[in-house]
Amino acid sequence: MRALSPNRVRPAWSAAAPAFTLIELLVVVAIIAILAALLLPGLSAAKTEAWRTQCISNQRELIAAWAMYTGDNRELLALNGGDTSPISTSAHLWVYGGNHGDPQTLTNSAYLIGPTYALMAGNEPSFKIYKCPADLSSWVVSENGGKKVLELRSYSMNSYVGVSGTAANSYLIQPLKQTPNYRAYLKSAQLTADSPANRFVFMDVNPASICTPGFGVDMTAETFIHFPSDMHRKRGVVVFADSHVETHTWVDPRTTIGVPIGNQFIPHGVASPNNKDLIWITQRTSSRIH
């Protein structure tokens, strides 16, 4: 047999590589689908947990700013309540805002950090702190050409903190009417004397319940004036007067109602008798005057 010349190139392998069969392709697709089904819930849970962590951080900053304001103002608490006027010439509430249907309450950053609107503006200069990252709700604002915009505030203050039960405080507007014979706190010493670890100051709120700066509570535990947020996997984030933060799981389905579709606000005074979540909130709002 004659030897090949060293300069002669062997012919390339010309046979085509075997292709995947339809069944093999379907198996690959099925495996990818299974992996996605296994991974996506984990990714979603991680995202939700990151949002909760940021919400906790936001409320820690809020309670720090609230405490600094009190320390700078002879132990007087930042005033809470609401104001129906669209204009403020001097700050007189911890943040500004009116009732449901007022687009400025939802979208005007000056209401949160403007020096003529917000008492805590000097201690909390960023409006981003007032927004829970899990709150993705949007509202149609006519001043913005009828376009949807994200609301800027997700937190409200206990309506018995920084609000007087007397007529001297004109910011005690509806729906923040207080239940008679329960303490209202205007000075830090009043909170210190009444179990500050069990008196909440800020809470994340259902976006459709955000209106006045105050979180209204019916101390008879018969109705929801405002609903807490359940966006952290049926949990809410609450910060207390002693500065500790809790993530609380809501157990009654009447509490975790979600956000209504469209620009629908949740009305005040929604009946919810014998609701363990509502009882939990009232127990951490105020105490009865004996």
Protein backbone atom coordinates (compact mmCIF):
# COMPACT_ATOMS: atom_id res chain seq x y z
CA MET A 1 0.00 0.00 0.00
CA ARG A 2 1.35 3.38 -0.94
CA ALA A 3 2.00 5.72 2.01
CA LEU A 4 0.25 9.07 2.13
CA SER A 5 2.30 12.03 1.24
CA PRO A 6 3.12 14.14 4.33
CA ASN A 7 1.68 17.20 2.54
CA ARG A 8 -1.57 15.53 1.70
CA VAL A 9 -4.56 16.61 3.91
CA ARG A 10 -6.90 13.93 5.16
CA PRO A 11 -10.53 14.52 4.20
CA ALA A 12 -12.72 16.12 6.91
CA TRP A 13 -15.36 14.00 8.57
CA SER A 14 -18.41 14.70 6.48
CA ALA A 15 -21.08 12.82 8.37
CA ALA A 16 -23.53 15.19 10.15
CA ALA A 17 -23.70 15.02 13.96
CA PRO A 18 -26.90 13.36 15.14
CA ALA A 19 -29.68 15.93 15.88
CA PHE A 20 -31.94 16.03 18.98
CA THR A 21 -35.16 14.15 18.51
CA LEU A 22 -38.47 15.84 19.29
CA ILE A 23 -38.84 13.76 22.44
CA GLU A 24 -35.38 14.79 23.66
CA LEU A 25 -36.20 18.46 23.06
CA LEU A 26 -39.44 18.10 24.99
CA VAL A 27 -37.56 16.50 27.88
CA VAL A 28 -35.10 19.43 27.96
CA VAL A 29 -37.96 21.95 27.93
CA ALA A 30 -39.72 20.05 30.72
CA ILE A 31 -36.56 20.05 32.85
CA ILE A 32 -36.14 23.81 32.34
CA ALA A 33 -39.78 24.37 33.31
CA ILE A 34 -39.35 22.29 36.47
CA LEU A 35 -36.20 24.18 37.45
CA ALA A 36 -37.96 27.49 36.85
CA ALA A 37 -40.91 26.38 38.98
CA LEU A 38 -38.50 25.45 41.77
CA LEU A 39 -36.40 28.61 41.55
CA LEU A 40 -38.99 31.35 40.95
CA PRO A 41 -40.80 31.01 44.30
CA GLY A 42 -37.45 31.21 46.04
CA LEU A 43 -36.53 34.32 44.09
CA SER A 44 -39.91 35.85 44.81
CA ALA A 45 -39.56 35.09 48.53
CA ALA A 46 -36.08 36.63 48.55
CA LYS A 47 -37.42 39.78 46.87
CA THR A 48 -40.27 40.02 49.37
CA GLU A 49 -37.84 39.56 52.26
CA ALA A 50 -35.60 42.31 50.88
CA TRP A 51 -38.61 44.64 50.74
CA ARG A 52 -39.50 43.81 54.34
CA THR A 53 -35.92 44.49 55.44
CA GLN A 54 -36.00 47.89 53.73
CA CYS A 55 -39.37 48.68 55.32
CA ILE A 56 -37.89 47.90 58.74
CA SER A 57 -34.94 50.17 57.96
CA ASN A 58 -37.29 52.98 56.87
CA GLN A 59 -39.28 52.81 60.08
CA ARG A 60 -36.11 52.77 62.18
CA GLU A 61 -35.08 56.00 60.49
CA LEU A 62 -38.54 57.47 61.05
CA ILE A 63 -38.57 56.65 64.75
CA ALA A 64 -35.04 58.09 65.09
CA ALA A 65 -36.17 61.34 63.43
CA TRP A 66 -39.29 61.37 65.64
CA ALA A 67 -37.16 60.93 68.78
CA MET A 68 -34.75 63.67 67.69
CA TYR A 69 -37.63 66.07 67.15
CA THR A 70 -38.90 65.34 70.66
CA GLY A 71 -35.44 65.86 72.14
CA ASP A 72 -35.12 69.19 70.35
CA ASN A 73 -38.54 70.44 71.45
CA ARG A 74 -38.66 70.10 75.24
CA GLU A 75 -40.03 66.54 75.06
CA LEU A 76 -43.09 67.58 73.03
CA LEU A 77 -44.10 64.95 70.50
CA ALA A 78 -44.42 65.88 66.83
CA LEU A 79 -48.05 66.76 66.24
CA ASN A 80 -50.19 64.27 64.38
CA GLY A 81 -53.62 64.57 62.79
CA GLY A 82 -54.76 65.97 59.46
CA ASP A 83 -55.43 69.21 57.62
CA THR A 84 -57.96 69.84 54.88
CA SER A 85 -56.23 72.99 53.60
CA PRO A 86 -54.06 72.56 50.45
CA ILE A 87 -51.63 75.25 51.64
CA SER A 88 -49.41 75.47 54.70
CA THR A 89 -47.35 78.54 55.56
CA SER A 90 -45.69 76.95 58.60
CA ALA A 91 -45.06 73.35 59.60
CA HIS A 92 -47.53 72.09 62.19
CA LEU A 93 -47.79 68.30 61.63
CA TRP A 94 -45.15 65.56 61.43
CA VAL A 95 -46.12 65.28 57.76
CA TYR A 96 -48.92 67.02 55.93
CA GLY A 97 -52.00 65.55 54.34
CA GLY A 98 -55.74 65.55 54.15
CA ASN A 99 -58.34 62.91 53.50
CA HIS A 100 -59.04 60.35 50.78
CA GLY A 101 -59.27 61.81 47.30
CA ASP A 102 -56.60 64.48 47.81
CA PRO A 103 -53.89 63.73 45.21
CA GLN A 104 -51.39 66.04 46.91
CA THR A 105 -51.52 63.90 50.06
CA LEU A 106 -50.44 60.94 47.95
CA THR A 107 -47.90 62.51 45.64
CA ASN A 108 -46.52 65.84 46.90
CA SER A 109 -43.05 65.30 48.38
CA ALA A 110 -43.21 68.75 50.01
CA TYR A 111 -45.88 67.35 52.31
CA LEU A 112 -43.21 64.98 53.67
CA ILE A 113 -40.03 67.04 53.73
CA GLY A 114 -41.07 70.63 52.98
CA PRO A 115 -40.03 73.01 55.82
CA THR A 116 -43.40 74.80 55.67
CA TYR A 117 -45.32 71.52 55.86
CA ALA A 118 -43.51 68.84 57.87
CA LEU A 119 -42.27 69.25 61.46
CA MET A 120 -39.75 66.43 61.02
CA ALA A 121 -38.34 67.83 57.77
CA GLY A 122 -35.11 68.93 59.43
CA ASN A 123 -34.49 65.49 60.91
CA GLU A 124 -35.59 63.41 57.92
CA PRO A 125 -34.49 65.07 54.65
CA SER A 126 -35.30 62.19 52.25
CA PHE A 127 -38.88 61.53 51.14
CA LYS A 128 -37.85 58.01 50.08
CA ILE A 129 -37.86 56.92 53.73
CA TYR A 130 -41.64 57.35 53.81
CA LYS A 131 -42.20 54.74 51.09
CA CYS A 132 -42.39 50.98 51.68
CA PRO A 133 -40.79 49.23 48.66
CA ALA A 134 -43.55 46.61 48.69
CA ASP A 135 -46.12 49.35 48.06
CA LEU A 136 -46.39 49.39 44.26
CA SER A 137 -49.86 50.93 44.10
CA SER A 138 -50.50 53.83 41.76
CA TRP A 139 -53.25 56.42 41.55
CA VAL A 140 -54.63 58.58 38.76
CA VAL A 141 -53.81 62.23 39.40
CA SER A 142 -55.65 64.84 37.35
CA GLU A 143 -52.88 67.40 37.94
CA ASN A 144 -50.54 64.97 36.21
CA GLY A 145 -52.60 64.77 33.05
CA GLY A 146 -54.68 61.91 34.40
CA LYS A 147 -51.66 59.63 34.50
CA LYS A 148 -51.00 57.07 37.21
CA VAL A 149 -48.30 57.91 39.71
CA LEU A 150 -46.91 56.02 42.70
CA GLU A 151 -47.93 57.35 46.09
CA LEU A 152 -45.03 58.61 48.18
CA ARG A 153 -46.13 57.73 51.71
CA SER A 154 -46.77 54.24 53.09
CA TYR A 155 -46.65 54.96 56.82
CA SER A 156 -48.98 56.62 59.30
CA MET A 157 -48.66 57.58 62.96
CA ASN A 158 -50.77 56.23 65.82
CA SER A 159 -53.72 58.64 66.13
CA TYR A 160 -53.30 58.75 69.93
CA VAL A 161 -49.66 59.88 69.65
CA GLY A 162 -49.04 63.60 69.17
CA VAL A 163 -52.77 64.30 69.08
CA SER A 164 -54.77 65.89 71.89
CA GLY A 165 -58.27 64.70 72.64
CA THR A 166 -59.33 68.28 73.37
CA ALA A 167 -60.72 70.95 71.08
CA ALA A 168 -57.45 72.86 71.51
CA ASN A 169 -55.93 70.64 68.86
CA SER A 170 -57.72 71.54 65.64
CA TYR A 171 -55.90 68.79 63.72
CA LEU A 172 -58.00 66.03 65.27
CA ILE A 173 -60.16 65.77 62.16
CA GLN A 174 -62.28 62.90 60.96
CA PRO A 175 -61.57 60.04 60.64
CA LEU A 176 -59.24 60.42 63.64
CA LYS A 177 -61.94 60.79 66.26
CA GLN A 178 -60.66 59.21 69.46
CA THR A 179 -62.56 56.75 71.61
CA PRO A 180 -63.44 58.46 74.94
CA ASN A 181 -61.54 57.60 78.14
CA TYR A 182 -58.30 56.55 76.40
CA ARG A 183 -54.98 58.33 76.81
CA ALA A 184 -53.65 60.71 74.18
CA TYR A 185 -49.90 61.35 74.32
CA LEU A 186 -48.44 64.80 73.75
CA LYS A 187 -45.16 64.48 75.69
CA SER A 188 -42.55 61.74 75.75
CA ALA A 189 -42.94 61.42 79.54
CA GLN A 190 -46.57 60.38 79.05
CA LEU A 191 -45.48 57.55 76.77
CA THR A 192 -42.60 56.58 79.04
CA ALA A 193 -45.05 56.18 81.93
CA ASP A 194 -47.40 53.99 79.91
CA SER A 195 -45.40 51.03 78.60
CA PRO A 196 -43.60 52.52 75.57
CA ALA A 197 -42.63 49.04 74.35
CA ASN A 198 -46.36 48.42 73.85
CA ARG A 199 -47.30 51.71 72.19
CA PHE A 200 -46.80 51.81 68.45
CA VAL A 201 -45.82 55.06 66.76
CA PHE A 202 -45.62 54.19 63.05
CA MET A 203 -47.15 51.39 61.00
CA ASP A 204 -47.14 50.54 57.31
CA VAL A 205 -50.65 51.01 55.97
CA ASN A 206 -52.75 49.44 53.25
CA PRO A 207 -52.22 51.84 50.30
CA ALA A 208 -55.98 52.22 49.86
CA SER A 209 -56.23 53.33 53.51
CA ILE A 210 -53.59 56.07 53.37
CA CYS A 211 -55.15 59.49 53.90
CA THR A 212 -54.47 61.69 56.93
CA PRO A 213 -51.02 61.45 58.54
CA GLY A 214 -52.68 59.63 61.45
CA PHE A 215 -53.58 55.94 61.68
CA GLY A 216 -57.08 55.93 63.14
CA VAL A 217 -57.92 53.24 65.70
CA ASP A 218 -61.33 52.39 67.14
CA MET A 219 -60.45 51.37 70.68
CA THR A 220 -63.67 49.38 71.02
CA ALA A 221 -62.10 46.98 68.47
CA GLU A 222 -65.35 46.87 66.52
CA THR A 223 -64.27 48.61 63.29
CA PHE A 224 -61.20 49.35 61.20
CA ILE A 225 -60.78 53.08 60.70
CA HIS A 226 -57.60 52.38 58.74
CA PHE A 227 -56.24 49.02 57.62
CA PRO A 228 -52.63 47.93 58.18
CA SER A 229 -50.53 46.76 55.26
CA ASP A 230 -50.31 43.03 54.57
CA MET A 231 -47.79 43.32 51.73
CA HIS A 232 -45.01 41.45 53.50
CA ARG A 233 -46.60 38.02 52.97
CA LYS A 234 -49.61 38.83 55.17
CA ARG A 235 -47.42 40.65 57.66
CA GLY A 236 -47.08 44.27 58.71
CA VAL A 237 -44.14 46.26 60.06
CA VAL A 238 -44.71 48.27 63.25
CA VAL A 239 -42.29 50.48 65.24
CA PHE A 240 -42.85 51.31 68.90
CA ALA A 241 -42.14 54.25 71.19
CA ASP A 242 -39.10 52.49 72.69
CA SER A 243 -37.71 52.32 69.08
CA HIS A 244 -37.98 48.54 68.61
CA VAL A 245 -39.49 47.25 65.36
CA GLU A 246 -41.74 44.22 64.96
CA THR A 247 -42.94 42.28 61.94
CA HIS A 248 -46.40 41.08 62.89
CA THR A 249 -48.34 38.35 61.10
CA TRP A 250 -52.04 39.09 60.59
CA VAL A 251 -54.21 36.05 61.28
CA ASP A 252 -57.74 37.17 60.40
CA PRO A 253 -58.62 37.15 56.67
CA ARG A 254 -60.70 40.29 57.22
CA THR A 255 -57.44 42.15 57.87
CA THR A 256 -55.57 40.95 54.77
CA ILE A 257 -57.99 42.31 52.19
CA GLY A 258 -55.34 43.44 49.73
CA VAL A 259 -55.61 46.59 47.63
CA PRO A 260 -58.86 47.17 45.69
CA ILE A 261 -58.55 47.27 41.91
CA GLY A 262 -58.41 50.76 40.43
CA ASN A 263 -58.56 54.04 42.31
CA GLN A 264 -60.79 52.73 45.07
CA PHE A 265 -60.14 53.77 48.64
CA ILE A 266 -61.13 51.58 51.56
CA PRO A 267 -63.88 53.37 53.51
CA HIS A 268 -63.50 54.24 57.18
CA GLY A 269 -65.38 52.33 59.85
CA VAL A 270 -65.36 48.86 58.30
CA ALA A 271 -66.98 46.50 60.81
CA SER A 272 -64.74 43.66 62.00
CA PRO A 273 -65.93 42.41 65.40
CA ASN A 274 -63.86 39.83 67.29
CA ASN A 275 -60.93 40.36 64.94
CA LYS A 276 -57.76 39.23 66.74
CA ASP A 277 -55.63 41.57 64.61
CA LEU A 278 -57.75 44.59 65.47
CA ILE A 279 -57.59 43.65 69.15
CA TRP A 280 -53.79 43.35 68.87
CA ILE A 281 -53.60 46.85 67.39
CA THR A 282 -55.85 48.43 70.02
CA GLN A 283 -53.82 46.86 72.83
CA ARG A 284 -50.74 48.64 71.44
CA THR A 285 -52.40 51.97 70.68
CA SER A 286 -53.34 53.44 74.05
CA SER A 287 -54.60 52.51 77.52
CA ARG A 288 -57.83 53.28 79.30
CA ILE A 289 -57.94 56.18 81.76
CA HIS A 290 -59.08 54.73 85.09
